[in-house]
Amino acid sequence: MSLQELKQTHDEVKNYLLQEGGIEQFTTYEALATKSLLIAAAGEMERKFNKLLKDSPISYGSPDFLISFITSQAIERKFHSMFNWKSANINSFAGLFGPVKKAEIIDEFKSLSGQKVIKDFIFIGSERNRIVHKGLATESLDHTFDEVWEKYLSASKILEILEKLLVKKLEPTPPPHARP
């Protein structure tokens, strides 16, 4: 099930419970659905981040053995250690690319008013960690499903921005008959 399908199902169940159920059933469902969305959104973002980080050396023509090493030693199961989830920025992540690229990444987010994108991304990651490590059943989330959904949509833009900065776009080669 995609996150879009999860949202659609949530909206249908929400409408049903508000019409046919009761506020107590809706409240219980909303709390569980919101935490499920948060964890699913964090998981999807982690998978997309990992793909982006793998695509970067591929786009620069790195050999397969180096891509394999980067994937197994620098990407897999390392996502949560790449960020300082207690901060409201991505400086620690950007710093992993060295001082020049760090400055470029930070400047790009500042020029795009990307602070909300970063704040929403950090929210999803840090809240996911809190709920997973302290307990899905016992931890509460002080946001509604729709609020988490909006934060997810906003946070997803971080991937588009980083792809532009980290993945080399190859110019298409003109067909042989179009070359001089």
Protein backbone atom coordinates (compact mmCIF):
# COMPACT_ATOMS: atom_id res chain seq x y z
CA MET A 1 0.00 0.00 0.00
CA SER A 2 1.38 3.39 -0.96
CA LEU A 3 1.18 6.37 1.36
CA GLN A 4 -1.39 7.92 -0.96
CA GLU A 5 -3.53 4.77 -0.60
CA LEU A 6 -3.04 4.89 3.16
CA LYS A 7 -4.30 8.48 3.16
CA GLN A 8 -7.30 7.56 1.02
CA THR A 9 -8.17 4.59 3.25
CA HIS A 10 -7.77 6.76 6.34
CA ASP A 11 -10.17 9.35 4.95
CA GLU A 12 -12.77 6.67 4.14
CA VAL A 13 -12.52 5.02 7.57
CA LYS A 14 -12.56 8.42 9.27
CA ASN A 15 -15.77 9.41 7.47
CA TYR A 16 -17.38 6.06 8.29
CA LEU A 17 -16.46 6.24 11.97
CA LEU A 18 -17.66 9.81 12.30
CA GLN A 19 -21.00 8.87 10.70
CA GLU A 20 -21.59 5.35 11.98
CA GLY A 21 -19.25 4.82 14.90
CA GLY A 22 -18.62 7.08 17.75
CA ILE A 23 -16.13 9.70 18.76
CA GLU A 24 -14.35 7.18 21.00
CA GLN A 25 -13.76 4.74 18.14
CA PHE A 26 -12.67 7.57 15.87
CA THR A 27 -10.24 8.94 18.48
CA THR A 28 -8.64 5.52 18.97
CA TYR A 29 -8.40 4.95 15.21
CA GLU A 30 -7.01 8.43 14.55
CA ALA A 31 -4.24 7.99 17.13
CA LEU A 32 -3.13 4.65 15.68
CA ALA A 33 -3.49 5.75 12.06
CA THR A 34 -1.45 8.90 12.70
CA LYS A 35 1.43 6.94 14.24
CA SER A 36 1.24 4.42 11.40
CA LEU A 37 1.43 7.21 8.83
CA LEU A 38 4.40 8.77 10.60
CA ILE A 39 6.34 5.49 10.69
CA ALA A 40 5.42 4.66 7.09
CA ALA A 41 6.39 8.15 5.90
CA ALA A 42 9.74 7.94 7.70
CA GLY A 43 10.38 4.51 6.15
CA GLU A 44 9.55 5.73 2.66
CA MET A 45 11.78 8.76 3.05
CA GLU A 46 14.64 6.56 4.28
CA ARG A 47 14.30 4.27 1.23
CA LYS A 48 14.23 7.24 -1.13
CA PHE A 49 17.19 8.86 0.63
CA ASN A 50 19.19 5.65 0.33
CA LYS A 51 18.37 5.40 -3.37
CA LEU A 52 19.41 9.01 -3.89
CA LEU A 53 22.71 8.42 -2.10
CA LYS A 54 23.36 5.33 -4.22
CA ASP A 55 22.40 7.14 -7.46
CA SER A 56 24.89 9.95 -6.77
CA PRO A 57 28.11 7.95 -7.31
CA ILE A 58 26.45 6.06 -10.18
CA SER A 59 25.73 9.38 -11.90
CA TYR A 60 29.40 10.34 -11.61
CA GLY A 61 30.48 7.09 -13.24
CA SER A 62 31.89 5.33 -10.17
CA PRO A 63 32.82 1.69 -10.78
CA ASP A 64 30.51 -1.08 -9.51
CA PHE A 65 32.91 -2.22 -6.77
CA LEU A 66 32.98 1.30 -5.30
CA ILE A 67 29.20 1.65 -5.51
CA SER A 68 28.86 -1.71 -3.74
CA PHE A 69 31.22 -0.56 -0.98
CA ILE A 70 29.44 2.79 -0.59
CA THR A 71 26.07 1.05 -0.46
CA SER A 72 27.06 -1.56 2.12
CA GLN A 73 29.28 0.60 4.33
CA ALA A 74 27.94 4.12 4.00
CA ILE A 75 24.25 3.78 3.23
CA GLU A 76 22.56 0.58 4.41
CA ARG A 77 21.31 0.86 8.00
CA LYS A 78 23.09 4.19 8.43
CA PHE A 79 20.29 6.64 7.63
CA HIS A 80 19.37 7.52 11.21
CA SER A 81 23.00 8.23 12.13
CA MET A 82 23.40 10.72 9.26
CA PHE A 83 21.24 13.34 10.99
CA ASN A 84 21.14 15.08 14.32
CA TRP A 85 17.45 14.50 15.02
CA LYS A 86 17.47 16.92 17.96
CA SER A 87 18.44 19.88 15.79
CA ALA A 88 16.26 21.89 13.46
CA ASN A 89 18.70 21.68 10.56
CA ILE A 90 20.54 19.23 8.32
CA ASN A 91 24.04 20.58 8.98
CA SER A 92 25.40 17.25 10.26
CA PHE A 93 24.15 15.48 7.12
CA ALA A 94 25.46 18.20 4.82
CA GLY A 95 28.82 18.08 6.60
CA LEU A 96 29.29 14.46 5.55
CA PHE A 97 29.99 15.73 2.02
CA GLY A 98 32.85 18.03 3.07
CA PRO A 99 32.95 21.78 3.69
CA VAL A 100 32.41 22.95 0.11
CA LYS A 101 29.36 20.77 -0.59
CA LYS A 102 28.04 21.44 2.94
CA ALA A 103 28.03 25.17 2.24
CA GLU A 104 26.35 24.58 -1.13
CA ILE A 105 23.62 22.41 0.43
CA ILE A 106 22.95 24.85 3.27
CA ASP A 107 22.93 27.86 0.91
CA GLU A 108 20.49 26.10 -1.42
CA PHE A 109 18.03 25.46 1.39
CA LYS A 110 18.34 29.04 2.64
CA SER A 111 17.75 30.47 -0.82
CA LEU A 112 14.71 28.27 -1.35
CA SER A 113 13.18 29.08 2.01
CA GLY A 114 13.73 25.41 2.71
CA GLN A 115 13.66 25.81 6.46
CA LYS A 116 10.08 24.51 6.69
CA VAL A 117 11.02 21.52 4.53
CA ILE A 118 13.95 20.75 6.84
CA LYS A 119 11.89 21.32 9.99
CA ASP A 120 9.18 18.94 8.73
CA PHE A 121 11.78 16.35 7.68
CA ILE A 122 13.45 16.47 11.10
CA PHE A 123 10.02 16.24 12.77
CA ILE A 124 9.16 13.05 10.90
CA GLY A 125 12.52 11.43 11.63
CA SER A 126 12.72 12.41 15.28
CA GLU A 127 9.11 11.53 16.06
CA ARG A 128 9.52 8.20 14.28
CA ASN A 129 12.54 7.44 16.46
CA ARG A 130 10.72 8.44 19.64
CA ILE A 131 7.65 6.34 18.90
CA VAL A 132 9.57 3.29 17.69
CA HIS A 133 12.06 3.29 20.55
CA LYS A 134 9.71 4.24 23.39
CA GLY A 135 6.73 2.20 22.21
CA LEU A 136 4.05 2.50 19.57
CA ALA A 137 1.28 1.59 22.01
CA THR A 138 2.37 3.85 24.85
CA GLU A 139 3.63 6.99 23.13
CA SER A 140 1.21 9.63 21.95
CA LEU A 141 1.60 11.98 19.02
CA ASP A 142 0.27 15.50 19.43
CA HIS A 143 -0.62 15.90 15.77
CA THR A 144 -3.52 14.77 13.66
CA PHE A 145 -3.26 12.48 10.67
CA ASP A 146 -3.82 15.43 8.34
CA GLU A 147 -1.09 17.48 10.05
CA VAL A 148 1.41 14.61 9.71
CA TRP A 149 0.34 14.17 6.08
CA GLU A 150 1.06 17.85 5.36
CA LYS A 151 4.45 17.58 7.07
CA TYR A 152 5.23 14.50 4.98
CA LEU A 153 4.34 16.32 1.73
CA SER A 154 6.51 19.25 2.77
CA ALA A 155 9.42 17.06 3.96
CA SER A 156 9.40 15.06 0.72
CA LYS A 157 10.66 18.14 -1.11
CA ILE A 158 14.03 17.68 0.61
CA LEU A 159 14.69 14.76 -1.73
CA GLU A 160 14.07 16.84 -4.85
CA ILE A 161 16.44 19.55 -3.61
CA LEU A 162 19.18 17.11 -2.63
CA GLU A 163 18.86 15.19 -5.90
CA LYS A 164 19.56 18.42 -7.76
CA LEU A 165 22.66 18.96 -5.62
CA LEU A 166 24.03 15.41 -5.40
CA VAL A 167 23.11 13.55 -8.59
CA LYS A 168 24.89 14.57 -11.75
CA LYS A 169 22.47 15.08 -14.61
CA LEU A 170 23.98 13.77 -17.79
CA GLU A 171 23.34 15.75 -20.90
CA PRO A 172 21.54 13.63 -23.46
CA THR A 173 23.76 12.56 -26.32
CA PRO A 174 22.37 13.77 -29.64
CA PRO A 175 21.61 11.04 -32.17
CA PRO A 176 24.48 10.32 -34.62
CA HIS A 177 22.71 12.03 -37.52
CA ALA A 178 22.37 15.27 -35.52
CA ARG A 179 26.08 15.55 -34.65
CA PRO A 180 28.27 17.93 -36.71
